Amino acid sequence: MNQAHREYFELFNEISIIAQLTRTIMEQRLPDGMTQPHFSVLNHLVRLGDSVSPRDLSCAFQVPKSSMTNTLAGLEKRGLIEVRPNPKDARGKYIYLTRAGRDFREQAIDALAPNIDEIAEQVSLHEVHVLLPALRGLRQVLDENRVTQPNGASSPTES
């Protein structure tokens, strides 16, 4: 591996560690039984809109459909999403965010305030403003060049 490849690997490694640490923070703040994948689906639906199929979501998150089905069942059980039939195909379903789902997402973000305050003591808002465009750019490149799933599914929809 050449030096440039090593540095890109270092970047991926840091992002992976950050993802692991932030997942732990988030899951400590979520109510019992709720996980980062639950929050991530709600966040995705708020940011990019609902009326999507479970398959679309499994592609967006690059997880097996069975994993997404399990995540959606947990959200539906809590009244945070609705699963409705596809009017054009009785076998298909669409996912819709409920008002409770939107409210839950906002409450989860608000619950992070103590952790964000701690981080803000060491990472300035200026540094955040510098980092965000570069991270968004990297995410867009990765999103546009997704690895095809084993079942052939791939989606350019960001998660």
Protein backbone atom coordinates (compact mmCIF):
# COMPACT_ATOMS: atom_id res chain seq x y z
CA MET A 1 0.00 0.00 0.00
CA ASN A 2 1.46 3.35 -0.98
CA GLN A 3 1.57 6.37 1.34
CA ALA A 4 -1.50 8.04 -0.17
CA HIS A 5 -3.53 4.86 0.29
CA ARG A 6 -2.38 4.65 3.90
CA GLU A 7 -3.52 8.21 4.53
CA TYR A 8 -6.95 7.54 3.01
CA PHE A 9 -7.14 4.44 5.19
CA GLU A 10 -6.27 6.60 8.22
CA LEU A 11 -9.15 8.90 7.26
CA PHE A 12 -11.57 5.95 7.02
CA ASN A 13 -10.24 4.59 10.31
CA GLU A 14 -10.83 7.90 12.13
CA ILE A 15 -14.34 8.15 10.69
CA SER A 16 -15.08 4.58 11.82
CA ILE A 17 -13.92 5.32 15.35
CA ILE A 18 -15.94 8.54 15.42
CA ALA A 19 -19.01 6.62 14.19
CA GLN A 20 -18.58 4.04 16.94
CA LEU A 21 -18.15 6.69 19.65
CA THR A 22 -21.12 8.77 18.46
CA ARG A 23 -23.31 5.66 18.21
CA THR A 24 -22.54 4.88 21.85
CA ILE A 25 -23.38 8.44 22.89
CA MET A 26 -26.64 8.37 20.95
CA GLU A 27 -27.72 4.98 22.28
CA GLN A 28 -27.04 6.10 25.86
CA ARG A 29 -29.48 8.97 25.32
CA LEU A 30 -32.22 6.98 23.58
CA PRO A 31 -35.01 5.31 25.57
CA ASP A 32 -34.61 1.60 26.38
CA GLY A 33 -35.12 -0.57 23.35
CA MET A 34 -34.29 2.17 20.85
CA THR A 35 -31.07 1.93 18.87
CA GLN A 36 -28.99 4.05 16.54
CA PRO A 37 -30.55 2.31 13.50
CA HIS A 38 -34.02 3.31 14.75
CA PHE A 39 -32.93 6.92 15.09
CA SER A 40 -31.12 6.84 11.74
CA VAL A 41 -34.26 5.75 9.90
CA LEU A 42 -36.30 8.52 11.52
CA ASN A 43 -33.59 11.03 10.71
CA HIS A 44 -33.47 9.82 7.09
CA LEU A 45 -37.24 10.15 6.72
CA VAL A 46 -37.23 13.68 8.17
CA ARG A 47 -34.32 14.82 6.00
CA LEU A 48 -35.24 13.20 2.70
CA GLY A 49 -38.97 12.55 2.97
CA ASP A 50 -41.12 9.55 3.59
CA SER A 51 -43.32 7.51 1.25
CA VAL A 52 -40.43 5.14 0.59
CA SER A 53 -40.38 1.37 0.44
CA PRO A 54 -38.56 -0.86 2.92
CA ARG A 55 -36.36 -1.93 -0.01
CA ASP A 56 -35.44 1.71 -0.69
CA LEU A 57 -34.45 2.10 2.95
CA SER A 58 -32.42 -1.11 3.02
CA CYS A 59 -30.57 0.12 -0.08
CA ALA A 60 -30.03 3.58 1.40
CA PHE A 61 -28.58 2.11 4.59
CA GLN A 62 -26.86 -0.75 2.79
CA VAL A 63 -28.30 -3.40 5.09
CA PRO A 64 -30.19 -6.61 4.29
CA LYS A 65 -33.94 -6.21 3.84
CA SER A 66 -34.48 -8.49 6.86
CA SER A 67 -32.49 -6.09 9.08
CA MET A 68 -34.48 -3.12 7.82
CA THR A 69 -37.75 -5.00 8.32
CA ASN A 70 -36.77 -5.61 11.96
CA THR A 71 -35.86 -1.93 12.46
CA LEU A 72 -39.13 -0.78 10.88
CA ALA A 73 -41.14 -3.21 13.04
CA GLY A 74 -39.64 -1.62 16.17
CA LEU A 75 -40.50 1.87 14.93
CA GLU A 76 -44.03 0.87 13.95
CA LYS A 77 -44.60 -0.81 17.33
CA ARG A 78 -43.78 2.51 19.01
CA GLY A 79 -46.07 4.47 16.67
CA LEU A 80 -43.15 6.39 15.12
CA ILE A 81 -43.87 5.26 11.56
CA GLU A 82 -46.82 3.89 9.63
CA VAL A 83 -46.50 1.08 7.11
CA ARG A 84 -49.11 1.46 4.38
CA PRO A 85 -49.86 -0.72 1.37
CA ASN A 86 -48.68 0.39 -2.05
CA PRO A 87 -51.88 1.34 -3.89
CA LYS A 88 -50.38 0.13 -7.20
CA ASP A 89 -48.97 -3.17 -5.89
CA ALA A 90 -50.67 -4.99 -3.04
CA ARG A 91 -47.41 -6.82 -2.23
CA GLY A 92 -45.52 -3.56 -1.75
CA LYS A 93 -45.46 -1.21 1.22
CA TYR A 94 -44.56 2.41 1.87
CA ILE A 95 -43.15 3.88 5.07
CA TYR A 96 -44.54 7.14 6.47
CA LEU A 97 -43.28 9.12 9.43
CA THR A 98 -45.86 9.94 12.10
CA ARG A 99 -46.02 13.15 14.11
CA ALA A 100 -44.76 11.11 17.07
CA GLY A 101 -41.80 10.00 14.93
CA ARG A 102 -40.89 13.60 14.08
CA ASP A 103 -41.24 14.62 17.72
CA PHE A 104 -39.15 11.66 18.88
CA ARG A 105 -36.33 12.62 16.51
CA GLU A 106 -36.30 16.18 17.85
CA GLN A 107 -36.33 14.95 21.46
CA ALA A 108 -33.43 12.59 20.71
CA ILE A 109 -31.41 15.46 19.24
CA ASP A 110 -32.25 17.65 22.23
CA ALA A 111 -31.15 14.85 24.59
CA LEU A 112 -27.66 15.09 23.09
CA ALA A 113 -27.20 18.65 24.40
CA PRO A 114 -25.00 17.66 27.39
CA ASN A 115 -22.68 15.66 25.12
CA ILE A 116 -22.59 18.42 22.53
CA ASP A 117 -21.77 20.95 25.25
CA GLU A 118 -18.81 18.79 26.34
CA ILE A 119 -17.55 18.51 22.77
CA ALA A 120 -18.03 22.24 22.17
CA GLU A 121 -15.59 22.96 25.01
CA GLN A 122 -12.84 21.29 22.98
CA VAL A 123 -13.95 21.67 19.35
CA SER A 124 -14.90 25.20 18.37
CA LEU A 125 -17.84 26.07 16.17
CA HIS A 126 -15.30 27.47 13.71
CA GLU A 127 -13.66 24.03 13.49
CA VAL A 128 -17.08 22.47 12.89
CA HIS A 129 -17.70 24.96 10.07
CA VAL A 130 -14.35 24.00 8.54
CA LEU A 131 -14.93 20.24 8.88
CA LEU A 132 -18.52 20.02 7.65
CA PRO A 133 -17.97 20.91 3.97
CA ALA A 134 -15.10 18.44 3.64
CA LEU A 135 -17.06 15.66 5.36
CA ARG A 136 -20.15 16.37 3.24
CA GLY A 137 -18.01 16.26 0.13
CA LEU A 138 -16.49 12.93 1.15
CA ARG A 139 -19.96 11.54 1.95
CA GLN A 140 -21.22 12.61 -1.47
CA VAL A 141 -18.29 10.93 -3.23
CA LEU A 142 -18.81 7.74 -1.25
CA ASP A 143 -22.58 7.89 -1.81
CA GLU A 144 -22.15 8.31 -5.57
CA ASN A 145 -19.75 5.36 -5.67
CA ARG A 146 -21.59 2.90 -3.45
CA VAL A 147 -20.53 -0.70 -3.52
CA THR A 148 -23.28 -2.86 -4.95
CA GLN A 149 -24.95 -5.08 -2.39
CA PRO A 150 -24.56 -8.86 -2.69
CA ASN A 151 -28.14 -9.11 -3.99
CA GLY A 152 -27.32 -6.52 -6.68
CA ALA A 153 -29.18 -3.70 -4.92
CA SER A 154 -27.57 -0.31 -4.78
CA SER A 155 -28.99 3.11 -4.22
CA PRO A 156 -27.54 6.60 -4.53
CA THR A 157 -29.94 7.79 -1.81
CA GLU A 158 -27.97 9.03 1.18
CA SER A 159 -28.75 7.65 4.60
